[in-house]
N, C-alpha and C. Protein backbone atom coordinates (compact mmCIF):
# COMPACT_ATOMS: atom_id res chain seq x y z
N MET A 1 0.85 -1.19 0.00
CA MET A 1 0.00 0.00 0.00
C MET A 1 0.89 1.25 0.00
N LEU A 2 0.55 2.21 -0.85
CA LEU A 2 1.32 3.44 -0.90
C LEU A 2 1.08 4.28 0.34
N PRO A 3 2.09 5.05 0.77
CA PRO A 3 1.87 5.94 1.91
C PRO A 3 0.77 6.95 1.58
N ASP A 4 0.02 7.33 2.59
CA ASP A 4 -1.15 8.20 2.38
C ASP A 4 -1.19 9.30 3.44
N PRO A 5 -0.16 10.18 3.45
CA PRO A 5 -0.07 11.18 4.53
C PRO A 5 -1.24 12.16 4.57
N GLY A 6 -1.85 12.46 3.44
CA GLY A 6 -2.98 13.39 3.42
C GLY A 6 -4.34 12.74 3.54
N GLY A 7 -4.36 11.40 3.60
CA GLY A 7 -5.61 10.69 3.73
C GLY A 7 -6.42 10.58 2.45
N PHE A 8 -5.79 10.79 1.29
CA PHE A 8 -6.52 10.76 0.03
C PHE A 8 -7.19 9.42 -0.21
N TYR A 9 -6.44 8.32 -0.07
CA TYR A 9 -6.99 7.01 -0.40
C TYR A 9 -8.19 6.65 0.47
N GLN A 10 -8.10 6.95 1.76
CA GLN A 10 -9.22 6.64 2.65
C GLN A 10 -10.46 7.46 2.29
N LEU A 11 -10.28 8.76 2.07
CA LEU A 11 -11.41 9.62 1.72
C LEU A 11 -11.96 9.27 0.33
N PHE A 12 -11.07 8.92 -0.59
CA PHE A 12 -11.50 8.51 -1.92
C PHE A 12 -12.33 7.23 -1.84
N HIS A 13 -11.89 6.28 -1.02
CA HIS A 13 -12.63 5.03 -0.83
C HIS A 13 -14.02 5.31 -0.25
N GLU A 14 -14.10 6.19 0.71
CA GLU A 14 -15.40 6.56 1.29
C GLU A 14 -16.31 7.19 0.24
N ARG A 15 -15.74 8.01 -0.65
CA ARG A 15 -16.52 8.61 -1.72
C ARG A 15 -17.00 7.55 -2.71
N ARG A 16 -16.15 6.56 -3.01
CA ARG A 16 -16.55 5.47 -3.90
C ARG A 16 -17.74 4.71 -3.31
N LEU A 17 -17.70 4.45 -2.01
CA LEU A 17 -18.81 3.76 -1.35
C LEU A 17 -20.09 4.58 -1.46
N GLU A 18 -19.97 5.87 -1.28
CA GLU A 18 -21.14 6.76 -1.35
C GLU A 18 -21.75 6.75 -2.76
N VAL A 19 -20.91 6.84 -3.78
CA VAL A 19 -21.38 6.81 -5.16
C VAL A 19 -22.05 5.47 -5.46
N ALA A 20 -21.44 4.39 -5.01
CA ALA A 20 -22.00 3.06 -5.26
C ALA A 20 -23.37 2.90 -4.59
N ARG A 21 -23.53 3.40 -3.38
CA ARG A 21 -24.83 3.32 -2.71
C ARG A 21 -25.91 3.99 -3.54
N GLY A 22 -25.57 5.13 -4.13
CA GLY A 22 -26.54 5.87 -4.92
C GLY A 22 -26.89 5.22 -6.24
N LEU A 23 -25.95 4.48 -6.83
CA LEU A 23 -26.16 3.90 -8.16
C LEU A 23 -26.68 2.46 -8.15
N LEU A 24 -26.36 1.72 -7.11
CA LEU A 24 -26.56 0.27 -7.19
C LEU A 24 -27.82 -0.26 -6.53
N ASN A 25 -28.55 0.56 -5.81
CA ASN A 25 -29.77 0.07 -5.14
C ASN A 25 -29.46 -1.14 -4.27
N ALA A 26 -28.88 -0.89 -3.12
CA ALA A 26 -28.36 -1.95 -2.25
C ALA A 26 -29.42 -2.88 -1.70
N ASP A 27 -30.69 -2.62 -1.94
CA ASP A 27 -31.74 -3.49 -1.42
C ASP A 27 -32.01 -4.70 -2.30
N ARG A 28 -31.24 -4.88 -3.34
CA ARG A 28 -31.43 -6.04 -4.23
C ARG A 28 -31.35 -7.34 -3.45
N SER A 29 -32.09 -8.34 -3.88
CA SER A 29 -32.18 -9.55 -3.06
C SER A 29 -31.02 -10.52 -3.25
N MET A 30 -30.38 -10.56 -4.42
CA MET A 30 -29.26 -11.48 -4.63
C MET A 30 -28.20 -10.78 -5.45
N ALA A 31 -26.99 -10.67 -4.91
CA ALA A 31 -25.95 -9.88 -5.56
C ALA A 31 -24.69 -10.69 -5.77
N LEU A 32 -23.96 -10.36 -6.83
CA LEU A 32 -22.65 -10.93 -7.11
C LEU A 32 -21.64 -9.80 -7.09
N ASP A 33 -20.63 -9.94 -6.23
CA ASP A 33 -19.54 -8.97 -6.11
C ASP A 33 -18.33 -9.57 -6.80
N VAL A 34 -18.10 -9.19 -8.07
CA VAL A 34 -17.02 -9.75 -8.88
C VAL A 34 -15.70 -9.07 -8.49
N GLY A 35 -14.69 -9.88 -8.17
CA GLY A 35 -13.43 -9.31 -7.73
C GLY A 35 -13.60 -8.59 -6.41
N CYS A 36 -14.29 -9.24 -5.50
CA CYS A 36 -14.79 -8.57 -4.28
C CYS A 36 -13.69 -8.13 -3.32
N GLY A 37 -12.50 -8.71 -3.39
CA GLY A 37 -11.46 -8.33 -2.45
C GLY A 37 -11.94 -8.48 -1.02
N GLY A 38 -11.98 -7.36 -0.29
CA GLY A 38 -12.45 -7.38 1.10
C GLY A 38 -13.95 -7.31 1.26
N GLY A 39 -14.70 -7.20 0.16
CA GLY A 39 -16.15 -7.20 0.24
C GLY A 39 -16.78 -5.83 0.07
N PHE A 40 -16.66 -5.28 -1.13
CA PHE A 40 -17.15 -3.92 -1.40
C PHE A 40 -18.66 -3.80 -1.18
N LEU A 41 -19.44 -4.73 -1.74
CA LEU A 41 -20.90 -4.61 -1.62
C LEU A 41 -21.37 -4.69 -0.17
N ARG A 42 -20.70 -5.48 0.63
CA ARG A 42 -21.07 -5.57 2.05
C ARG A 42 -20.91 -4.19 2.71
N LEU A 43 -19.89 -3.45 2.31
CA LEU A 43 -19.64 -2.13 2.90
C LEU A 43 -20.72 -1.11 2.57
N ILE A 44 -21.48 -1.36 1.50
CA ILE A 44 -22.56 -0.42 1.18
C ILE A 44 -23.92 -0.93 1.63
N GLY A 45 -23.93 -2.03 2.39
CA GLY A 45 -25.17 -2.48 3.00
C GLY A 45 -25.88 -3.64 2.33
N VAL A 46 -25.28 -4.21 1.27
CA VAL A 46 -25.89 -5.37 0.63
C VAL A 46 -25.62 -6.58 1.52
N THR A 47 -26.63 -7.40 1.76
CA THR A 47 -26.47 -8.51 2.70
C THR A 47 -26.48 -9.88 2.05
N ASN A 48 -27.21 -10.07 0.96
CA ASN A 48 -27.29 -11.37 0.31
C ASN A 48 -26.33 -11.38 -0.88
N ILE A 49 -25.07 -11.72 -0.62
CA ILE A 49 -24.00 -11.54 -1.60
C ILE A 49 -23.23 -12.83 -1.81
N ILE A 50 -22.88 -13.07 -3.07
CA ILE A 50 -21.84 -14.04 -3.41
C ILE A 50 -20.60 -13.20 -3.70
N GLY A 51 -19.57 -13.36 -2.88
CA GLY A 51 -18.30 -12.67 -3.12
C GLY A 51 -17.40 -13.56 -3.94
N MET A 52 -16.96 -13.07 -5.09
CA MET A 52 -16.17 -13.88 -6.00
C MET A 52 -14.85 -13.19 -6.31
N ASP A 53 -13.77 -13.96 -6.27
CA ASP A 53 -12.45 -13.43 -6.59
C ASP A 53 -11.54 -14.60 -6.93
N VAL A 54 -10.38 -14.30 -7.50
CA VAL A 54 -9.42 -15.37 -7.80
C VAL A 54 -8.56 -15.69 -6.58
N ARG A 55 -8.49 -14.75 -5.62
CA ARG A 55 -7.74 -14.97 -4.38
C ARG A 55 -8.69 -15.11 -3.21
N ALA A 56 -8.32 -15.92 -2.25
CA ALA A 56 -9.16 -16.13 -1.08
C ALA A 56 -9.01 -14.97 -0.09
N THR A 57 -10.14 -14.44 0.36
CA THR A 57 -10.19 -13.48 1.46
C THR A 57 -11.41 -13.85 2.30
N GLY A 58 -11.61 -13.13 3.39
CA GLY A 58 -12.76 -13.41 4.23
C GLY A 58 -14.09 -13.15 3.54
N ALA A 59 -14.10 -12.32 2.50
CA ALA A 59 -15.35 -11.98 1.80
C ALA A 59 -15.64 -12.91 0.63
N VAL A 60 -14.68 -13.74 0.25
CA VAL A 60 -14.82 -14.59 -0.93
C VAL A 60 -15.57 -15.87 -0.57
N THR A 61 -16.67 -16.10 -1.27
CA THR A 61 -17.41 -17.35 -1.11
C THR A 61 -17.20 -18.29 -2.29
N VAL A 62 -16.79 -17.74 -3.43
CA VAL A 62 -16.51 -18.54 -4.62
C VAL A 62 -15.22 -18.03 -5.26
N ARG A 63 -14.29 -18.94 -5.48
CA ARG A 63 -13.06 -18.56 -6.19
C ARG A 63 -13.24 -18.94 -7.66
N ALA A 64 -13.19 -17.91 -8.51
CA ALA A 64 -13.39 -18.15 -9.94
C ALA A 64 -12.92 -16.93 -10.72
N SER A 65 -12.77 -17.11 -12.02
CA SER A 65 -12.37 -16.03 -12.91
C SER A 65 -13.57 -15.17 -13.27
N ALA A 66 -13.34 -13.88 -13.37
CA ALA A 66 -14.40 -12.94 -13.76
C ALA A 66 -14.81 -13.13 -15.21
N GLU A 67 -14.00 -13.85 -15.98
CA GLU A 67 -14.28 -14.05 -17.40
C GLU A 67 -15.06 -15.34 -17.67
N ASN A 68 -15.16 -16.22 -16.69
CA ASN A 68 -15.88 -17.50 -16.84
C ASN A 68 -16.60 -17.79 -15.53
N LEU A 69 -17.80 -17.28 -15.39
CA LEU A 69 -18.53 -17.40 -14.14
C LEU A 69 -19.15 -18.78 -13.98
N PRO A 70 -19.05 -19.38 -12.80
CA PRO A 70 -19.61 -20.71 -12.57
C PRO A 70 -21.06 -20.67 -12.09
N PHE A 71 -21.89 -19.85 -12.76
CA PHE A 71 -23.28 -19.68 -12.35
C PHE A 71 -24.20 -19.87 -13.56
N LYS A 72 -25.43 -20.27 -13.28
CA LYS A 72 -26.45 -20.40 -14.32
C LYS A 72 -26.85 -19.01 -14.82
N ASP A 73 -27.58 -18.98 -15.92
CA ASP A 73 -28.08 -17.72 -16.47
C ASP A 73 -29.09 -17.08 -15.53
N GLN A 74 -29.07 -15.76 -15.49
CA GLN A 74 -30.09 -14.94 -14.82
C GLN A 74 -30.36 -15.36 -13.37
N VAL A 75 -29.33 -15.36 -12.55
CA VAL A 75 -29.52 -15.72 -11.14
C VAL A 75 -29.34 -14.55 -10.18
N PHE A 76 -28.80 -13.42 -10.66
CA PHE A 76 -28.50 -12.30 -9.76
C PHE A 76 -29.34 -11.07 -10.11
N ASP A 77 -29.75 -10.35 -9.07
CA ASP A 77 -30.45 -9.07 -9.26
C ASP A 77 -29.46 -7.92 -9.42
N LEU A 78 -28.27 -8.11 -8.91
CA LEU A 78 -27.23 -7.08 -8.96
C LEU A 78 -25.89 -7.76 -9.20
N VAL A 79 -25.15 -7.25 -10.19
CA VAL A 79 -23.78 -7.69 -10.43
C VAL A 79 -22.92 -6.44 -10.41
N PHE A 80 -21.88 -6.47 -9.57
CA PHE A 80 -20.97 -5.32 -9.48
C PHE A 80 -19.53 -5.81 -9.60
N ALA A 81 -18.74 -5.07 -10.38
CA ALA A 81 -17.31 -5.35 -10.52
C ALA A 81 -16.55 -4.03 -10.34
N GLY A 82 -15.93 -3.87 -9.20
CA GLY A 82 -15.22 -2.63 -8.89
C GLY A 82 -13.73 -2.74 -9.13
N GLU A 83 -13.24 -1.93 -10.07
CA GLU A 83 -11.81 -1.88 -10.41
C GLU A 83 -11.31 -3.27 -10.82
N VAL A 84 -12.08 -3.95 -11.67
CA VAL A 84 -11.77 -5.31 -12.12
C VAL A 84 -11.49 -5.34 -13.62
N LEU A 85 -12.33 -4.70 -14.40
CA LEU A 85 -12.32 -4.83 -15.86
C LEU A 85 -10.95 -4.54 -16.48
N GLU A 86 -10.26 -3.54 -15.95
CA GLU A 86 -8.98 -3.13 -16.52
C GLU A 86 -7.87 -4.17 -16.30
N HIS A 87 -8.10 -5.13 -15.40
CA HIS A 87 -7.08 -6.14 -15.09
C HIS A 87 -7.25 -7.43 -15.91
N LEU A 88 -8.33 -7.54 -16.65
CA LEU A 88 -8.68 -8.81 -17.29
C LEU A 88 -8.06 -8.97 -18.67
N ASN A 89 -7.78 -10.22 -19.03
CA ASN A 89 -7.27 -10.50 -20.37
C ASN A 89 -8.37 -10.33 -21.42
N MET A 90 -9.61 -10.72 -21.07
CA MET A 90 -10.72 -10.68 -22.02
C MET A 90 -11.90 -9.90 -21.42
N PRO A 91 -11.80 -8.58 -21.38
CA PRO A 91 -12.87 -7.80 -20.75
C PRO A 91 -14.22 -7.93 -21.45
N ALA A 92 -14.23 -8.08 -22.77
CA ALA A 92 -15.51 -8.23 -23.48
C ALA A 92 -16.20 -9.52 -23.06
N GLN A 93 -15.44 -10.59 -22.92
CA GLN A 93 -16.02 -11.85 -22.47
C GLN A 93 -16.54 -11.71 -21.05
N ALA A 94 -15.81 -11.00 -20.20
CA ALA A 94 -16.27 -10.79 -18.82
C ALA A 94 -17.59 -10.03 -18.80
N LEU A 95 -17.71 -8.97 -19.59
CA LEU A 95 -18.97 -8.23 -19.64
C LEU A 95 -20.11 -9.12 -20.10
N ASN A 96 -19.84 -9.95 -21.11
CA ASN A 96 -20.88 -10.90 -21.57
C ASN A 96 -21.32 -11.82 -20.45
N GLU A 97 -20.36 -12.30 -19.67
CA GLU A 97 -20.68 -13.20 -18.57
C GLU A 97 -21.49 -12.49 -17.48
N TRP A 98 -21.11 -11.26 -17.16
CA TRP A 98 -21.81 -10.53 -16.10
C TRP A 98 -23.26 -10.27 -16.51
N VAL A 99 -23.47 -9.97 -17.79
CA VAL A 99 -24.83 -9.76 -18.27
C VAL A 99 -25.60 -11.08 -18.30
N ARG A 100 -24.92 -12.15 -18.66
CA ARG A 100 -25.57 -13.46 -18.74
C ARG A 100 -26.17 -13.88 -17.40
N VAL A 101 -25.44 -13.67 -16.31
CA VAL A 101 -25.91 -14.14 -15.00
C VAL A 101 -26.87 -13.15 -14.34
N LEU A 102 -27.09 -12.01 -14.97
CA LEU A 102 -27.98 -10.98 -14.43
C LEU A 102 -29.41 -11.22 -14.89
N ARG A 103 -30.34 -11.14 -13.96
CA ARG A 103 -31.76 -11.29 -14.30
C ARG A 103 -32.24 -10.12 -15.13
N ASP A 104 -33.28 -10.35 -15.94
CA ASP A 104 -33.92 -9.25 -16.65
C ASP A 104 -34.40 -8.23 -15.62
N GLY A 105 -34.12 -6.96 -15.87
CA GLY A 105 -34.47 -5.91 -14.93
C GLY A 105 -33.46 -5.73 -13.82
N GLY A 106 -32.43 -6.58 -13.79
CA GLY A 106 -31.37 -6.45 -12.78
C GLY A 106 -30.41 -5.34 -13.13
N ARG A 107 -29.58 -4.98 -12.16
CA ARG A 107 -28.66 -3.85 -12.33
C ARG A 107 -27.22 -4.34 -12.40
N LEU A 108 -26.48 -3.81 -13.39
CA LEU A 108 -25.05 -4.09 -13.54
C LEU A 108 -24.29 -2.81 -13.24
N GLY A 109 -23.28 -2.92 -12.38
CA GLY A 109 -22.44 -1.77 -12.06
C GLY A 109 -20.97 -2.11 -12.21
N VAL A 110 -20.21 -1.16 -12.74
CA VAL A 110 -18.76 -1.32 -12.86
C VAL A 110 -18.08 -0.02 -12.46
N SER A 111 -16.88 -0.15 -11.94
CA SER A 111 -16.05 1.04 -11.74
C SER A 111 -14.66 0.73 -12.29
N THR A 112 -14.00 1.76 -12.77
CA THR A 112 -12.68 1.61 -13.39
C THR A 112 -11.99 2.96 -13.40
N PRO A 113 -10.65 2.96 -13.39
CA PRO A 113 -9.96 4.24 -13.58
C PRO A 113 -10.30 4.82 -14.95
N ASN A 114 -10.25 6.12 -15.07
CA ASN A 114 -10.51 6.79 -16.33
C ASN A 114 -9.38 6.46 -17.31
N GLY A 115 -9.69 5.68 -18.32
CA GLY A 115 -8.68 5.23 -19.28
C GLY A 115 -8.03 6.34 -20.07
N ARG A 116 -8.74 7.42 -20.27
CA ARG A 116 -8.15 8.54 -21.01
C ARG A 116 -6.91 9.07 -20.27
N LEU A 117 -7.00 9.17 -18.95
CA LEU A 117 -5.88 9.69 -18.18
C LEU A 117 -4.86 8.62 -17.84
N VAL A 118 -5.31 7.41 -17.60
CA VAL A 118 -4.38 6.33 -17.34
C VAL A 118 -3.48 6.14 -18.55
N GLY A 119 -4.09 6.21 -19.73
CA GLY A 119 -3.32 6.06 -20.96
C GLY A 119 -2.30 7.18 -21.16
N LEU A 120 -2.65 8.39 -20.75
CA LEU A 120 -1.74 9.52 -20.91
C LEU A 120 -0.58 9.47 -19.93
N GLU A 121 -0.84 8.99 -18.72
CA GLU A 121 0.18 9.02 -17.67
C GLU A 121 1.09 7.80 -17.68
N GLY A 122 0.78 6.81 -18.46
CA GLY A 122 1.56 5.59 -18.44
C GLY A 122 0.81 4.57 -17.61
N ASN A 123 0.45 3.49 -18.25
CA ASN A 123 -0.44 2.51 -17.66
C ASN A 123 0.16 1.84 -16.43
N CYS A 124 -0.66 1.56 -15.45
CA CYS A 124 -0.28 0.75 -14.30
C CYS A 124 0.11 -0.63 -14.82
N PRO A 125 1.22 -1.20 -14.34
CA PRO A 125 1.65 -2.50 -14.88
C PRO A 125 0.61 -3.60 -14.77
N GLU A 126 -0.28 -3.51 -13.78
CA GLU A 126 -1.31 -4.54 -13.61
C GLU A 126 -2.52 -4.32 -14.51
N HIS A 127 -2.60 -3.14 -15.14
CA HIS A 127 -3.74 -2.84 -16.02
C HIS A 127 -3.44 -3.34 -17.43
N LYS A 128 -4.34 -4.16 -17.95
CA LYS A 128 -4.16 -4.70 -19.29
C LYS A 128 -4.96 -3.93 -20.34
N HIS A 129 -5.97 -3.17 -19.87
CA HIS A 129 -6.84 -2.41 -20.76
C HIS A 129 -7.21 -1.10 -20.08
N VAL A 130 -7.57 -0.13 -20.89
CA VAL A 130 -8.08 1.14 -20.35
C VAL A 130 -9.42 1.44 -21.01
N PHE A 131 -10.28 2.14 -20.26
CA PHE A 131 -11.63 2.41 -20.73
C PHE A 131 -11.99 3.87 -20.45
N THR A 132 -12.70 4.46 -21.40
CA THR A 132 -13.30 5.77 -21.17
C THR A 132 -14.77 5.55 -20.83
N ALA A 133 -15.40 6.56 -20.28
CA ALA A 133 -16.83 6.44 -19.94
C ALA A 133 -17.66 6.22 -21.19
N VAL A 134 -17.34 6.91 -22.27
CA VAL A 134 -18.11 6.81 -23.50
C VAL A 134 -18.03 5.39 -24.08
N ASP A 135 -16.81 4.86 -24.16
CA ASP A 135 -16.63 3.52 -24.72
C ASP A 135 -17.28 2.45 -23.85
N LEU A 136 -17.14 2.59 -22.56
CA LEU A 136 -17.71 1.59 -21.65
C LEU A 136 -19.23 1.65 -21.67
N LYS A 137 -19.78 2.86 -21.74
CA LYS A 137 -21.24 2.98 -21.83
C LYS A 137 -21.75 2.33 -23.11
N ARG A 138 -21.06 2.55 -24.23
CA ARG A 138 -21.44 1.91 -25.50
C ARG A 138 -21.39 0.39 -25.39
N SER A 139 -20.36 -0.12 -24.72
CA SER A 139 -20.24 -1.58 -24.54
C SER A 139 -21.40 -2.13 -23.74
N LEU A 140 -21.83 -1.40 -22.72
CA LEU A 140 -22.96 -1.86 -21.91
C LEU A 140 -24.26 -1.81 -22.71
N VAL A 141 -24.47 -0.73 -23.45
CA VAL A 141 -25.71 -0.59 -24.23
C VAL A 141 -25.78 -1.69 -25.30
N ARG A 142 -24.64 -2.03 -25.92
CA ARG A 142 -24.62 -3.12 -26.92
C ARG A 142 -25.05 -4.44 -26.30
N ARG A 143 -24.84 -4.57 -25.01
CA ARG A 143 -25.22 -5.80 -24.30
C ARG A 143 -26.60 -5.67 -23.64
N ARG A 144 -27.38 -4.68 -24.09
CA ARG A 144 -28.75 -4.45 -23.63
C ARG A 144 -28.82 -4.00 -22.17
N ILE A 145 -27.76 -3.33 -21.72
CA ILE A 145 -27.80 -2.67 -20.41
C ILE A 145 -28.17 -1.22 -20.71
N ASN A 146 -29.37 -0.83 -20.27
CA ASN A 146 -29.91 0.48 -20.61
C ASN A 146 -30.01 1.39 -19.38
N HIS A 147 -30.41 2.62 -19.63
CA HIS A 147 -30.53 3.63 -18.56
C HIS A 147 -29.21 3.74 -17.79
N VAL A 148 -28.10 3.72 -18.53
CA VAL A 148 -26.77 3.74 -17.91
C VAL A 148 -26.48 5.13 -17.35
N LYS A 149 -26.14 5.16 -16.08
CA LYS A 149 -25.73 6.40 -15.43
C LYS A 149 -24.23 6.35 -15.19
N VAL A 150 -23.57 7.49 -15.41
CA VAL A 150 -22.12 7.60 -15.22
C VAL A 150 -21.87 8.60 -14.10
N ARG A 151 -21.02 8.22 -13.16
CA ARG A 151 -20.60 9.12 -12.09
C ARG A 151 -19.08 9.18 -12.10
N SER A 152 -18.55 10.37 -11.96
CA SER A 152 -17.10 10.60 -11.98
C SER A 152 -16.65 11.06 -10.60
N ILE A 153 -15.44 10.64 -10.24
CA ILE A 153 -14.89 11.02 -8.94
C ILE A 153 -13.52 11.66 -9.12
N PHE A 154 -13.38 12.84 -8.60
CA PHE A 154 -12.14 13.61 -8.48
C PHE A 154 -11.56 14.01 -9.84
N PHE A 155 -10.84 15.09 -9.81
CA PHE A 155 -10.20 15.66 -10.98
C PHE A 155 -8.90 14.90 -11.24
N GLY A 156 -8.85 14.15 -12.30
CA GLY A 156 -7.75 13.22 -12.52
C GLY A 156 -6.47 13.78 -13.10
N LEU A 157 -6.40 15.07 -13.37
CA LEU A 157 -5.18 15.63 -13.96
C LEU A 157 -4.12 15.96 -12.93
N VAL A 158 -4.47 15.84 -11.65
CA VAL A 158 -3.51 16.08 -10.58
C VAL A 158 -3.51 14.89 -9.64
N SER A 159 -2.43 14.71 -8.93
CA SER A 159 -2.33 13.61 -7.98
C SER A 159 -3.06 13.98 -6.69
N GLY A 160 -4.12 13.25 -6.40
CA GLY A 160 -4.86 13.49 -5.16
C GLY A 160 -3.99 13.30 -3.93
N ARG A 161 -3.10 12.32 -4.00
CA ARG A 161 -2.20 12.06 -2.88
C ARG A 161 -1.32 13.28 -2.59
N ARG A 162 -0.79 13.90 -3.64
CA ARG A 162 0.05 15.08 -3.45
C ARG A 162 -0.75 16.28 -2.96
N VAL A 163 -1.89 16.52 -3.58
CA VAL A 163 -2.72 17.66 -3.21
C VAL A 163 -3.21 17.55 -1.77
N PHE A 164 -3.70 16.38 -1.40
CA PHE A 164 -4.27 16.21 -0.06
C PHE A 164 -3.23 16.32 1.04
N ARG A 165 -1.99 16.02 0.72
CA ARG A 165 -0.91 16.14 1.71
C ARG A 165 -0.76 17.58 2.19
N PHE A 166 -1.07 18.54 1.31
CA PHE A 166 -0.86 19.95 1.65
C PHE A 166 -2.12 20.66 2.13
N LEU A 167 -3.27 19.99 2.07
CA LEU A 167 -4.52 20.61 2.52
C LEU A 167 -4.75 20.30 3.99
N PRO A 168 -4.96 21.32 4.82
CA PRO A 168 -5.06 21.07 6.27
C PRO A 168 -6.43 20.60 6.74
N TRP A 169 -7.51 20.86 6.00
CA TRP A 169 -8.86 20.60 6.52
C TRP A 169 -9.50 19.41 5.83
N LYS A 170 -9.93 18.46 6.63
CA LYS A 170 -10.61 17.29 6.09
C LYS A 170 -11.88 17.68 5.36
N SER A 171 -12.61 18.66 5.90
CA SER A 171 -13.87 19.07 5.26
C SER A 171 -13.63 19.61 3.85
N PHE A 172 -12.52 20.28 3.63
CA PHE A 172 -12.21 20.80 2.30
C PHE A 172 -11.84 19.64 1.36
N LYS A 173 -11.13 18.65 1.88
CA LYS A 173 -10.78 17.48 1.07
C LYS A 173 -12.05 16.74 0.64
N VAL A 174 -12.97 16.57 1.57
CA VAL A 174 -14.25 15.91 1.25
C VAL A 174 -15.01 16.72 0.20
N PHE A 175 -15.00 18.05 0.36
CA PHE A 175 -15.65 18.94 -0.62
C PHE A 175 -15.06 18.72 -2.01
N LEU A 176 -13.74 18.63 -2.12
CA LEU A 176 -13.09 18.43 -3.42
C LEU A 176 -13.53 17.10 -4.06
N LEU A 177 -13.69 16.07 -3.24
CA LEU A 177 -14.10 14.77 -3.77
C LEU A 177 -15.56 14.76 -4.21
N HIS A 178 -16.33 15.75 -3.77
CA HIS A 178 -17.75 15.84 -4.15
C HIS A 178 -17.99 16.80 -5.32
N LEU A 179 -16.97 17.51 -5.74
CA LEU A 179 -17.15 18.44 -6.86
C LEU A 179 -17.49 17.67 -8.13
N PRO A 180 -18.47 18.15 -8.90
CA PRO A 180 -18.77 17.49 -10.18
C PRO A 180 -17.59 17.66 -11.15
N VAL A 181 -17.24 16.57 -11.79
CA VAL A 181 -16.11 16.56 -12.73
C VAL A 181 -16.57 15.86 -14.00
N PRO A 182 -16.31 16.43 -15.17
CA PRO A 182 -16.65 15.72 -16.41
C PRO A 182 -15.91 14.38 -16.46
N SER A 183 -16.58 13.37 -16.99
CA SER A 183 -15.97 12.03 -17.00
C SER A 183 -14.64 12.01 -17.74
N THR A 184 -14.46 12.86 -18.74
CA THR A 184 -13.21 12.88 -19.49
C THR A 184 -12.03 13.35 -18.64
N LEU A 185 -12.30 14.06 -17.56
CA LEU A 185 -11.23 14.60 -16.71
C LEU A 185 -11.16 13.95 -15.34
N SER A 186 -11.98 12.94 -15.11
CA SER A 186 -12.06 12.38 -13.75
C SER A 186 -10.98 11.33 -13.50
N TYR A 187 -10.78 11.06 -12.25
CA TYR A 187 -9.83 10.06 -11.80
C TYR A 187 -10.42 8.65 -11.91
N ASP A 188 -11.70 8.52 -11.53
CA ASP A 188 -12.34 7.21 -11.49
C ASP A 188 -13.76 7.33 -12.04
N LEU A 189 -14.23 6.23 -12.65
CA LEU A 189 -15.55 6.21 -13.27
C LEU A 189 -16.42 5.11 -12.66
N PHE A 190 -17.68 5.43 -12.42
CA PHE A 190 -18.69 4.45 -12.02
C PHE A 190 -19.78 4.46 -13.06
N LEU A 191 -20.18 3.29 -13.54
CA LEU A 191 -21.30 3.18 -14.46
C LEU A 191 -22.25 2.11 -13.95
N ALA A 192 -23.54 2.37 -14.08
CA ALA A 192 -24.54 1.38 -13.69
C ALA A 192 -25.75 1.52 -14.59
N GLY A 193 -26.32 0.37 -14.97
CA GLY A 193 -27.50 0.36 -15.81
C GLY A 193 -28.34 -0.88 -15.55
N VAL A 194 -29.46 -0.96 -16.24
CA VAL A 194 -30.45 -2.01 -16.02
C VAL A 194 -30.54 -2.91 -17.24
N LYS A 195 -30.59 -4.21 -17.01
CA LYS A 195 -30.68 -5.18 -18.11
C LYS A 195 -32.07 -5.14 -18.71
N ASP A 196 -32.12 -4.96 -20.02
CA ASP A 196 -33.36 -4.93 -20.77
C ASP A 196 -34.07 -6.28 -20.64
N HIS A 197 -35.38 -6.23 -20.47
CA HIS A 197 -36.16 -7.47 -20.34
C HIS A 197 -36.13 -8.32 -21.60
N ASP A 198 -35.77 -7.73 -22.74
CA ASP A 198 -35.73 -8.48 -24.00
C ASP A 198 -34.36 -9.08 -24.27
N ALA A 199 -33.41 -8.85 -23.36
CA ALA A 199 -32.04 -9.32 -23.62
C ALA A 199 -31.95 -10.84 -23.60
């Protein structure tokens, strides 16, 4: 873990949780947390969750690849993959799988770093692909995920870690994380939409 003297990562994580609560409708009855790590969906109040990851953690109930899900068609009301898509060898196949296991009328949510800026700054070695909000939204719509909402977090042209180190007030840091930012300039992207009943 990188040093975080200004508290950027912790406050950024709290903002991600807040955005996810607003987009994902945590009251869904059956959820899949793809690449769950420590259990993102549990942190926003979802209780009936299958936590899936390739590595074992306390939140993981199924160890499997995000690109080949071991579930029948249309079994989940909510599928969420946070900061997963950019790490996969076959992201298109993963999206197909996530839509496949989602019930008609269910909600699919993804978050990913803004590919426009990741691409400009030099890709993280663990990232195999980069995505912009526009391209990712088009990919979801092609898969019959409609009513897609996009939320952007933080101004991505500057290092939040560096900026937050010099800001003395937590309230001002929180304010900065809540400022509206165009998706093309944001640090992180959240997208969520609903599976068409005809899919």
